[in-house]
N, C-alpha and C. Protein backbone atom coordinates (compact mmCIF):
# COMPACT_ATOMS: atom_id res chain seq x y z
N MET A 1 67.38 197.28 0.75
CA MET A 1 66.44 196.55 -0.08
C MET A 1 66.04 195.28 0.66
N SER A 2 64.79 195.02 0.70
CA SER A 2 64.29 193.85 1.40
C SER A 2 64.14 192.66 0.46
N LYS A 3 63.97 191.49 1.05
CA LYS A 3 63.71 190.29 0.25
C LYS A 3 62.45 190.49 -0.59
N LYS A 4 61.48 191.17 -0.01
CA LYS A 4 60.21 191.43 -0.71
C LYS A 4 60.47 192.24 -1.98
N HIS A 5 61.37 193.23 -1.89
CA HIS A 5 61.67 194.07 -3.05
C HIS A 5 62.37 193.24 -4.14
N ILE A 6 63.29 192.37 -3.74
CA ILE A 6 63.97 191.51 -4.71
C ILE A 6 62.96 190.61 -5.41
N GLU A 7 62.04 190.03 -4.62
CA GLU A 7 61.00 189.19 -5.21
C GLU A 7 60.18 189.97 -6.23
N GLU A 8 59.85 191.20 -5.90
CA GLU A 8 59.04 192.03 -6.81
C GLU A 8 59.81 192.34 -8.09
N CYS A 9 61.12 192.59 -7.98
CA CYS A 9 61.94 192.82 -9.17
C CYS A 9 61.94 191.61 -10.09
N VAL A 10 62.07 190.42 -9.49
CA VAL A 10 62.05 189.18 -10.29
C VAL A 10 60.69 189.00 -10.93
N ARG A 11 59.64 189.21 -10.17
CA ARG A 11 58.27 189.06 -10.68
C ARG A 11 58.04 190.00 -11.87
N THR A 12 58.41 191.25 -11.72
CA THR A 12 58.23 192.25 -12.77
C THR A 12 59.03 191.87 -14.02
N SER A 13 60.25 191.40 -13.82
CA SER A 13 61.09 190.98 -14.95
C SER A 13 60.49 189.80 -15.69
N LEU A 14 59.97 188.83 -14.93
CA LEU A 14 59.35 187.67 -15.56
C LEU A 14 58.08 188.04 -16.33
N GLU A 15 57.30 188.94 -15.76
CA GLU A 15 56.10 189.40 -16.46
C GLU A 15 56.48 190.08 -17.78
N GLY A 16 57.55 190.87 -17.75
CA GLY A 16 58.05 191.51 -18.97
C GLY A 16 58.55 190.49 -19.97
N TYR A 17 59.20 189.44 -19.47
CA TYR A 17 59.71 188.37 -20.33
C TYR A 17 58.54 187.71 -21.08
N PHE A 18 57.47 187.37 -20.35
CA PHE A 18 56.31 186.74 -20.98
C PHE A 18 55.64 187.69 -21.97
N LYS A 19 55.59 188.97 -21.62
CA LYS A 19 55.00 189.95 -22.53
C LYS A 19 55.80 190.01 -23.83
N ASP A 20 57.14 190.01 -23.71
CA ASP A 20 58.01 190.06 -24.88
C ASP A 20 57.87 188.81 -25.76
N LEU A 21 57.51 187.69 -25.17
CA LEU A 21 57.34 186.45 -25.94
C LEU A 21 56.12 186.50 -26.85
N ARG A 22 55.17 187.37 -26.53
CA ARG A 22 53.95 187.56 -27.34
C ARG A 22 53.26 186.23 -27.66
N GLY A 23 53.07 185.42 -26.61
CA GLY A 23 52.33 184.17 -26.79
C GLY A 23 53.17 182.96 -27.13
N THR A 24 54.42 183.17 -27.50
CA THR A 24 55.31 182.04 -27.76
C THR A 24 55.60 181.35 -26.43
N GLU A 25 55.57 180.03 -26.42
CA GLU A 25 55.82 179.31 -25.18
C GLU A 25 57.31 179.26 -24.87
N PRO A 26 57.67 179.54 -23.62
CA PRO A 26 59.08 179.50 -23.23
C PRO A 26 59.56 178.06 -23.11
N ASP A 27 60.87 177.89 -23.12
CA ASP A 27 61.46 176.56 -22.97
C ASP A 27 62.69 176.67 -22.07
N GLY A 28 62.81 175.78 -21.10
CA GLY A 28 63.99 175.77 -20.23
C GLY A 28 64.09 176.98 -19.33
N MET A 29 62.97 177.49 -18.90
CA MET A 29 62.96 178.71 -18.08
C MET A 29 63.72 178.57 -16.77
N TYR A 30 63.57 177.44 -16.11
CA TYR A 30 64.20 177.28 -14.80
C TYR A 30 65.72 177.44 -14.92
N ASP A 31 66.32 176.68 -15.84
CA ASP A 31 67.78 176.77 -16.01
C ASP A 31 68.20 178.16 -16.45
N MET A 32 67.41 178.78 -17.32
CA MET A 32 67.71 180.14 -17.77
C MET A 32 67.74 181.09 -16.59
N MET A 33 66.73 181.01 -15.73
CA MET A 33 66.65 181.92 -14.58
C MET A 33 67.79 181.70 -13.60
N VAL A 34 68.13 180.44 -13.36
CA VAL A 34 69.23 180.15 -12.44
C VAL A 34 70.52 180.76 -12.98
N ARG A 35 70.79 180.57 -14.26
CA ARG A 35 72.01 181.12 -14.86
C ARG A 35 72.02 182.65 -14.78
N ILE A 36 70.89 183.26 -15.08
CA ILE A 36 70.81 184.72 -15.11
C ILE A 36 71.01 185.33 -13.73
N VAL A 37 70.45 184.69 -12.72
CA VAL A 37 70.52 185.24 -11.36
C VAL A 37 71.83 184.86 -10.67
N GLU A 38 72.33 183.67 -10.95
CA GLU A 38 73.48 183.15 -10.23
C GLU A 38 74.75 183.98 -10.43
N LYS A 39 75.06 184.35 -11.65
CA LYS A 39 76.32 185.07 -11.91
C LYS A 39 76.39 186.41 -11.18
N PRO A 40 75.41 187.29 -11.31
CA PRO A 40 75.52 188.56 -10.58
C PRO A 40 75.50 188.36 -9.07
N MET A 41 74.78 187.33 -8.59
CA MET A 41 74.77 187.06 -7.16
C MET A 41 76.17 186.67 -6.71
N LEU A 42 76.83 185.80 -7.45
CA LEU A 42 78.19 185.39 -7.10
C LEU A 42 79.16 186.57 -7.16
N GLU A 43 79.02 187.40 -8.17
CA GLU A 43 79.90 188.58 -8.30
C GLU A 43 79.77 189.49 -7.09
N VAL A 44 78.55 189.79 -6.71
CA VAL A 44 78.32 190.72 -5.59
C VAL A 44 78.76 190.11 -4.27
N VAL A 45 78.41 188.85 -4.05
CA VAL A 45 78.79 188.20 -2.78
C VAL A 45 80.30 188.11 -2.67
N MET A 46 80.98 187.75 -3.75
CA MET A 46 82.44 187.68 -3.70
C MET A 46 83.05 189.05 -3.41
N GLN A 47 82.50 190.08 -4.01
CA GLN A 47 83.00 191.43 -3.76
C GLN A 47 82.79 191.81 -2.29
N GLN A 48 81.59 191.54 -1.76
CA GLN A 48 81.29 191.89 -0.37
C GLN A 48 82.12 191.06 0.61
N ALA A 49 82.47 189.83 0.22
CA ALA A 49 83.29 188.96 1.07
C ALA A 49 84.77 189.20 0.83
N GLU A 50 85.09 190.26 0.09
CA GLU A 50 86.48 190.62 -0.23
C GLU A 50 87.22 189.44 -0.86
N HIS A 51 86.50 188.71 -1.73
CA HIS A 51 87.01 187.57 -2.50
C HIS A 51 87.47 186.41 -1.61
N ASN A 52 86.98 186.38 -0.39
CA ASN A 52 87.26 185.26 0.51
C ASN A 52 86.22 184.17 0.22
N GLN A 53 86.67 183.12 -0.45
CA GLN A 53 85.74 182.07 -0.89
C GLN A 53 85.09 181.34 0.28
N SER A 54 85.82 181.14 1.35
CA SER A 54 85.25 180.45 2.51
C SER A 54 84.11 181.27 3.10
N ARG A 55 84.33 182.57 3.26
CA ARG A 55 83.29 183.45 3.80
C ARG A 55 82.09 183.51 2.86
N ALA A 56 82.36 183.66 1.56
CA ALA A 56 81.27 183.74 0.58
C ALA A 56 80.47 182.44 0.57
N ALA A 57 81.15 181.32 0.63
CA ALA A 57 80.45 180.03 0.65
C ALA A 57 79.56 179.92 1.87
N GLN A 58 80.06 180.37 3.00
CA GLN A 58 79.26 180.34 4.22
C GLN A 58 78.03 181.22 4.08
N TRP A 59 78.19 182.42 3.57
CA TRP A 59 77.07 183.34 3.38
C TRP A 59 76.01 182.74 2.46
N LEU A 60 76.48 182.03 1.43
CA LEU A 60 75.56 181.46 0.44
C LEU A 60 74.97 180.12 0.87
N GLY A 61 75.54 179.56 1.94
CA GLY A 61 75.07 178.24 2.38
C GLY A 61 75.53 177.14 1.46
N LEU A 62 76.72 177.33 0.87
CA LEU A 62 77.30 176.36 -0.04
C LEU A 62 78.58 175.79 0.53
N ASN A 63 78.94 174.62 0.05
CA ASN A 63 80.25 174.07 0.32
C ASN A 63 81.26 174.90 -0.48
N ARG A 64 82.46 175.12 0.05
CA ARG A 64 83.46 175.94 -0.64
C ARG A 64 83.79 175.37 -2.02
N ASN A 65 83.87 174.04 -2.13
CA ASN A 65 84.16 173.42 -3.43
C ASN A 65 83.04 173.67 -4.44
N THR A 66 81.81 173.66 -3.96
CA THR A 66 80.67 173.96 -4.84
C THR A 66 80.75 175.40 -5.32
N LEU A 67 81.09 176.31 -4.41
CA LEU A 67 81.25 177.72 -4.79
C LEU A 67 82.33 177.86 -5.85
N ARG A 68 83.48 177.22 -5.64
CA ARG A 68 84.58 177.30 -6.62
C ARG A 68 84.12 176.80 -7.99
N LYS A 69 83.37 175.70 -8.00
CA LYS A 69 82.87 175.14 -9.26
C LYS A 69 81.98 176.15 -9.97
N LYS A 70 81.11 176.80 -9.23
CA LYS A 70 80.21 177.78 -9.82
C LYS A 70 80.98 179.01 -10.31
N LEU A 71 81.99 179.43 -9.58
CA LEU A 71 82.81 180.57 -10.00
C LEU A 71 83.53 180.25 -11.30
N VAL A 72 84.03 179.03 -11.43
CA VAL A 72 84.69 178.61 -12.67
C VAL A 72 83.68 178.55 -13.82
N GLU A 73 82.50 177.96 -13.57
CA GLU A 73 81.46 177.86 -14.60
C GLU A 73 81.08 179.22 -15.17
N HIS A 74 81.05 180.23 -14.31
CA HIS A 74 80.67 181.57 -14.73
C HIS A 74 81.88 182.41 -15.16
N LYS A 75 83.04 181.76 -15.21
CA LYS A 75 84.30 182.41 -15.62
C LYS A 75 84.64 183.60 -14.72
N LEU A 76 84.36 183.45 -13.42
CA LEU A 76 84.69 184.49 -12.46
C LEU A 76 86.06 184.24 -11.84
N ILE A 77 86.54 183.00 -11.96
CA ILE A 77 87.91 182.64 -11.60
C ILE A 77 88.38 181.60 -12.62
N LYS A 78 89.68 181.36 -12.62
CA LYS A 78 90.24 180.35 -13.54
C LYS A 78 90.48 179.07 -12.81
C-alpha cells in the first residue's frame, strides 16, 4: 500500500463523515482525527517493531518518552 492509497482512504472516510453529518457543522475535527488515527498507528508500529519502544520511536520520528506517553494515553501499556 502506498502513501497515496492511505491518503485516499482518509479522504474517502472524511467525505463519508461529512455526508453522515447531513449539513451539521463538525466541531473539534483535528483532535478527533488525530485520536482516531494515532491509536491504530501505534498498535501496528509496536507490533511490527516487536514491542521495542526505541525502534518504534525511531520509525515514528518521536522521542522514546513521547512514544511511551502516547502508549499510556491510548491504554496500550500501563
